[in-house]
Amino acid sequence: MQKIINVLAIASFAVSAAVIGSGTYLYLNKDILLEDARQKITEAATEAITDALPGMMDAAMPELPDATGGAIGMPAATGSAIPMLP
């Protein structure tokens, strides 16, 4: 009977050590794991949208004009730039 209790105690210690070790690993690497997951989700979402809407992605981006108009002149000044106080 004592051997069974000793085996259960060792198994309990092993499980407790595994839980503490994995919790420590996750806590120390949480930022890296979250950033990796966020990057994978973003890539998957972008790929899914691109596959679902192939023609609309190209049409959504407007083309830049080849030429622009001339410069707009300043309006004619009437009076002083600073308003007069009474």
N, C-alpha and C. Protein backbone atom coordinates (compact mmCIF):
# COMPACT_ATOMS: atom_id res chain seq x y z
N MET A 1 0.82 -1.19 0.00
CA MET A 1 0.00 0.00 0.00
C MET A 1 0.87 1.27 0.00
N GLN A 2 1.96 1.20 0.74
CA GLN A 2 2.86 2.35 0.82
C GLN A 2 3.46 2.67 -0.55
N LYS A 3 3.75 1.64 -1.34
CA LYS A 3 4.32 1.87 -2.66
C LYS A 3 3.34 2.60 -3.57
N ILE A 4 2.07 2.27 -3.48
CA ILE A 4 1.06 2.93 -4.30
C ILE A 4 0.96 4.41 -3.93
N ILE A 5 0.99 4.68 -2.64
CA ILE A 5 0.92 6.07 -2.17
C ILE A 5 2.16 6.84 -2.63
N ASN A 6 3.32 6.21 -2.57
CA ASN A 6 4.54 6.87 -3.03
C ASN A 6 4.49 7.17 -4.53
N VAL A 7 3.97 6.23 -5.32
CA VAL A 7 3.84 6.44 -6.77
C VAL A 7 2.88 7.59 -7.03
N LEU A 8 1.76 7.63 -6.31
CA LEU A 8 0.79 8.73 -6.48
C LEU A 8 1.41 10.07 -6.08
N ALA A 9 2.22 10.09 -5.04
CA ALA A 9 2.87 11.33 -4.60
C ALA A 9 3.87 11.81 -5.64
N ILE A 10 4.64 10.90 -6.21
CA ILE A 10 5.60 11.27 -7.26
C ILE A 10 4.86 11.75 -8.50
N ALA A 11 3.77 11.08 -8.88
CA ALA A 11 2.98 11.50 -10.04
C ALA A 11 2.37 12.88 -9.79
N SER A 12 1.90 13.12 -8.58
CA SER A 12 1.33 14.42 -8.24
C SER A 12 2.39 15.51 -8.33
N PHE A 13 3.59 15.23 -7.84
CA PHE A 13 4.68 16.19 -7.94
C PHE A 13 5.03 16.47 -9.39
N ALA A 14 5.06 15.43 -10.22
CA ALA A 14 5.39 15.61 -11.64
C ALA A 14 4.34 16.47 -12.34
N VAL A 15 3.08 16.23 -12.03
CA VAL A 15 2.02 17.03 -12.66
C VAL A 15 2.11 18.48 -12.18
N SER A 16 2.33 18.68 -10.89
CA SER A 16 2.46 20.05 -10.37
C SER A 16 3.65 20.77 -10.98
N ALA A 17 4.77 20.07 -11.12
CA ALA A 17 5.96 20.69 -11.73
C ALA A 17 5.70 21.03 -13.19
N ALA A 18 4.98 20.16 -13.90
CA ALA A 18 4.67 20.43 -15.30
C ALA A 18 3.76 21.64 -15.44
N VAL A 19 2.78 21.77 -14.56
CA VAL A 19 1.87 22.92 -14.61
C VAL A 19 2.63 24.20 -14.31
N ILE A 20 3.47 24.19 -13.31
CA ILE A 20 4.24 25.38 -12.95
C ILE A 20 5.23 25.73 -14.06
N GLY A 21 5.88 24.73 -14.62
CA GLY A 21 6.84 24.98 -15.70
C GLY A 21 6.18 25.53 -16.94
N SER A 22 5.06 24.95 -17.35
CA SER A 22 4.38 25.44 -18.55
C SER A 22 3.78 26.82 -18.31
N GLY A 23 3.27 27.08 -17.11
CA GLY A 23 2.75 28.41 -16.80
C GLY A 23 3.84 29.47 -16.83
N THR A 24 5.01 29.13 -16.31
CA THR A 24 6.14 30.05 -16.34
C THR A 24 6.59 30.32 -17.77
N TYR A 25 6.66 29.27 -18.59
CA TYR A 25 7.04 29.43 -20.00
C TYR A 25 6.06 30.35 -20.72
N LEU A 26 4.77 30.11 -20.53
CA LEU A 26 3.76 30.95 -21.19
C LEU A 26 3.84 32.40 -20.71
N TYR A 27 4.04 32.60 -19.42
CA TYR A 27 4.12 33.96 -18.89
C TYR A 27 5.33 34.71 -19.44
N LEU A 28 6.46 34.02 -19.53
CA LEU A 28 7.67 34.68 -20.02
C LEU A 28 7.64 34.93 -21.53
N ASN A 29 6.90 34.13 -22.29
CA ASN A 29 6.88 34.26 -23.74
C ASN A 29 5.54 34.73 -24.28
N LYS A 30 4.70 35.32 -23.43
CA LYS A 30 3.36 35.70 -23.87
C LYS A 30 3.39 36.76 -24.97
N ASP A 31 4.29 37.71 -24.90
CA ASP A 31 4.34 38.77 -25.92
C ASP A 31 4.72 38.20 -27.29
N ILE A 32 5.69 37.32 -27.31
CA ILE A 32 6.12 36.70 -28.57
C ILE A 32 5.01 35.83 -29.14
N LEU A 33 4.36 35.06 -28.27
CA LEU A 33 3.28 34.18 -28.74
C LEU A 33 2.09 34.97 -29.26
N LEU A 34 1.74 36.06 -28.58
CA LEU A 34 0.61 36.89 -29.04
C LEU A 34 0.92 37.57 -30.37
N GLU A 35 2.12 38.10 -30.51
CA GLU A 35 2.49 38.77 -31.76
C GLU A 35 2.53 37.78 -32.92
N ASP A 36 3.02 36.57 -32.67
CA ASP A 36 3.04 35.53 -33.71
C ASP A 36 1.62 35.16 -34.12
N ALA A 37 0.73 34.99 -33.14
CA ALA A 37 -0.65 34.66 -33.45
C ALA A 37 -1.34 35.80 -34.21
N ARG A 38 -1.08 37.04 -33.79
CA ARG A 38 -1.68 38.20 -34.47
C ARG A 38 -1.22 38.28 -35.93
N GLN A 39 0.06 38.01 -36.16
CA GLN A 39 0.60 38.05 -37.52
C GLN A 39 -0.03 36.95 -38.38
N LYS A 40 -0.16 35.75 -37.84
CA LYS A 40 -0.76 34.65 -38.59
C LYS A 40 -2.23 34.92 -38.90
N ILE A 41 -2.96 35.50 -37.95
CA ILE A 41 -4.37 35.81 -38.17
C ILE A 41 -4.51 36.89 -39.24
N THR A 42 -3.64 37.91 -39.20
CA THR A 42 -3.69 38.97 -40.21
C THR A 42 -3.40 38.43 -41.60
N GLU A 43 -2.40 37.57 -41.71
CA GLU A 43 -2.08 36.98 -43.02
C GLU A 43 -3.22 36.11 -43.52
N ALA A 44 -3.82 35.33 -42.64
CA ALA A 44 -4.92 34.46 -43.04
C ALA A 44 -6.14 35.27 -43.48
N ALA A 45 -6.44 36.35 -42.75
CA ALA A 45 -7.58 37.19 -43.11
C ALA A 45 -7.34 37.90 -44.43
N THR A 46 -6.14 38.42 -44.63
CA THR A 46 -5.82 39.09 -45.89
C THR A 46 -5.90 38.12 -47.06
N GLU A 47 -5.39 36.93 -46.87
CA GLU A 47 -5.45 35.93 -47.95
C GLU A 47 -6.89 35.51 -48.24
N ALA A 48 -7.71 35.36 -47.20
CA ALA A 48 -9.11 34.98 -47.40
C ALA A 48 -9.87 36.07 -48.14
N ILE A 49 -9.63 37.31 -47.78
CA ILE A 49 -10.32 38.42 -48.45
C ILE A 49 -9.85 38.53 -49.89
N THR A 50 -8.57 38.39 -50.12
CA THR A 50 -8.04 38.47 -51.49
C THR A 50 -8.57 37.35 -52.35
N ASP A 51 -8.68 36.15 -51.81
CA ASP A 51 -9.22 35.03 -52.57
C ASP A 51 -10.71 35.21 -52.84
N ALA A 52 -11.44 35.77 -51.89
CA ALA A 52 -12.88 35.93 -52.04
C ALA A 52 -13.24 37.06 -53.00
N LEU A 53 -12.43 38.10 -53.03
CA LEU A 53 -12.74 39.27 -53.85
C LEU A 53 -11.56 39.64 -54.74
N PRO A 54 -11.21 38.78 -55.71
CA PRO A 54 -10.00 39.08 -56.49
C PRO A 54 -10.12 40.33 -57.35
N GLY A 55 -11.25 40.56 -57.98
CA GLY A 55 -11.39 41.71 -58.85
C GLY A 55 -11.61 43.00 -58.10
N MET A 56 -12.20 42.92 -56.93
CA MET A 56 -12.52 44.13 -56.19
C MET A 56 -11.29 44.74 -55.52
N MET A 57 -10.29 43.95 -55.23
CA MET A 57 -9.09 44.49 -54.60
C MET A 57 -8.36 45.45 -55.54
N ASP A 58 -8.27 45.10 -56.81
CA ASP A 58 -7.61 45.97 -57.77
C ASP A 58 -8.45 47.20 -58.07
N ALA A 59 -9.76 47.04 -58.11
CA ALA A 59 -10.64 48.16 -58.40
C ALA A 59 -10.75 49.12 -57.22
N ALA A 60 -10.46 48.67 -56.02
CA ALA A 60 -10.59 49.52 -54.84
C ALA A 60 -9.49 50.58 -54.78
N MET A 61 -8.36 50.32 -55.39
CA MET A 61 -7.26 51.28 -55.36
C MET A 61 -7.38 52.23 -56.55
N PRO A 62 -7.58 53.52 -56.29
CA PRO A 62 -7.67 54.46 -57.41
C PRO A 62 -6.31 54.67 -58.06
N GLU A 63 -6.34 54.98 -59.34
CA GLU A 63 -5.09 55.24 -60.06
C GLU A 63 -4.68 56.69 -59.86
N LEU A 64 -3.40 56.92 -59.82
CA LEU A 64 -2.91 58.28 -59.69
C LEU A 64 -3.03 58.99 -61.03
N PRO A 65 -3.37 60.28 -61.02
CA PRO A 65 -3.47 61.01 -62.28
C PRO A 65 -2.10 61.20 -62.91
N ASP A 66 -2.09 61.30 -64.25
CA ASP A 66 -0.83 61.52 -64.96
C ASP A 66 -0.35 62.96 -64.83
N ALA A 67 -1.28 63.91 -64.78
CA ALA A 67 -0.91 65.32 -64.68
C ALA A 67 -1.89 66.01 -63.75
N THR A 68 -1.44 67.09 -63.17
CA THR A 68 -2.31 67.89 -62.31
C THR A 68 -2.44 69.29 -62.88
N GLY A 69 -3.35 70.04 -62.34
CA GLY A 69 -3.58 71.39 -62.82
C GLY A 69 -2.53 72.35 -62.28
N GLY A 70 -2.64 73.61 -62.68
CA GLY A 70 -1.69 74.63 -62.23
C GLY A 70 -1.95 75.03 -60.79
N ALA A 71 -1.08 75.89 -60.29
CA ALA A 71 -1.21 76.36 -58.92
C ALA A 71 -2.36 77.34 -58.81
N ILE A 72 -3.01 77.37 -57.68
CA ILE A 72 -4.12 78.29 -57.43
C ILE A 72 -3.53 79.55 -56.81
N GLY A 73 -3.89 80.70 -57.35
CA GLY A 73 -3.35 81.96 -56.86
C GLY A 73 -3.99 82.38 -55.55
N MET A 74 -3.34 83.35 -54.88
CA MET A 74 -3.86 83.89 -53.62
C MET A 74 -4.98 84.88 -53.93
N PRO A 75 -5.99 84.95 -53.09
CA PRO A 75 -7.05 85.93 -53.32
C PRO A 75 -6.52 87.35 -53.10
N ALA A 76 -7.15 88.29 -53.76
CA ALA A 76 -6.72 89.68 -53.64
C ALA A 76 -6.98 90.18 -52.22
N ALA A 77 -6.02 90.87 -51.65
CA ALA A 77 -6.15 91.38 -50.27
C ALA A 77 -6.95 92.66 -50.28
N THR A 78 -7.90 92.76 -49.37
CA THR A 78 -8.67 93.99 -49.21
C THR A 78 -8.49 94.49 -47.80
N GLY A 79 -7.76 95.53 -47.61
CA GLY A 79 -7.54 96.07 -46.28
C GLY A 79 -6.31 95.42 -45.63
N SER A 80 -6.17 95.68 -44.34
CA SER A 80 -5.01 95.14 -43.62
C SER A 80 -5.27 93.69 -43.20
N ALA A 81 -4.19 92.99 -42.93
CA ALA A 81 -4.32 91.60 -42.52
C ALA A 81 -4.80 91.47 -41.08
N ILE A 82 -4.52 92.50 -40.25
CA ILE A 82 -4.96 92.48 -38.86
C ILE A 82 -6.20 93.35 -38.73
N PRO A 83 -7.27 92.83 -38.21
CA PRO A 83 -8.49 93.67 -38.08
C PRO A 83 -8.28 94.77 -37.06
N MET A 84 -8.88 95.90 -37.33
CA MET A 84 -8.77 97.06 -36.44
C MET A 84 -9.78 96.92 -35.30
N LEU A 85 -9.35 97.24 -34.08
CA LEU A 85 -10.26 97.20 -32.94
C LEU A 85 -10.84 98.59 -32.73
N PRO A 86 -12.09 98.70 -32.32
CA PRO A 86 -12.69 100.02 -32.10
C PRO A 86 -12.13 100.78 -30.93
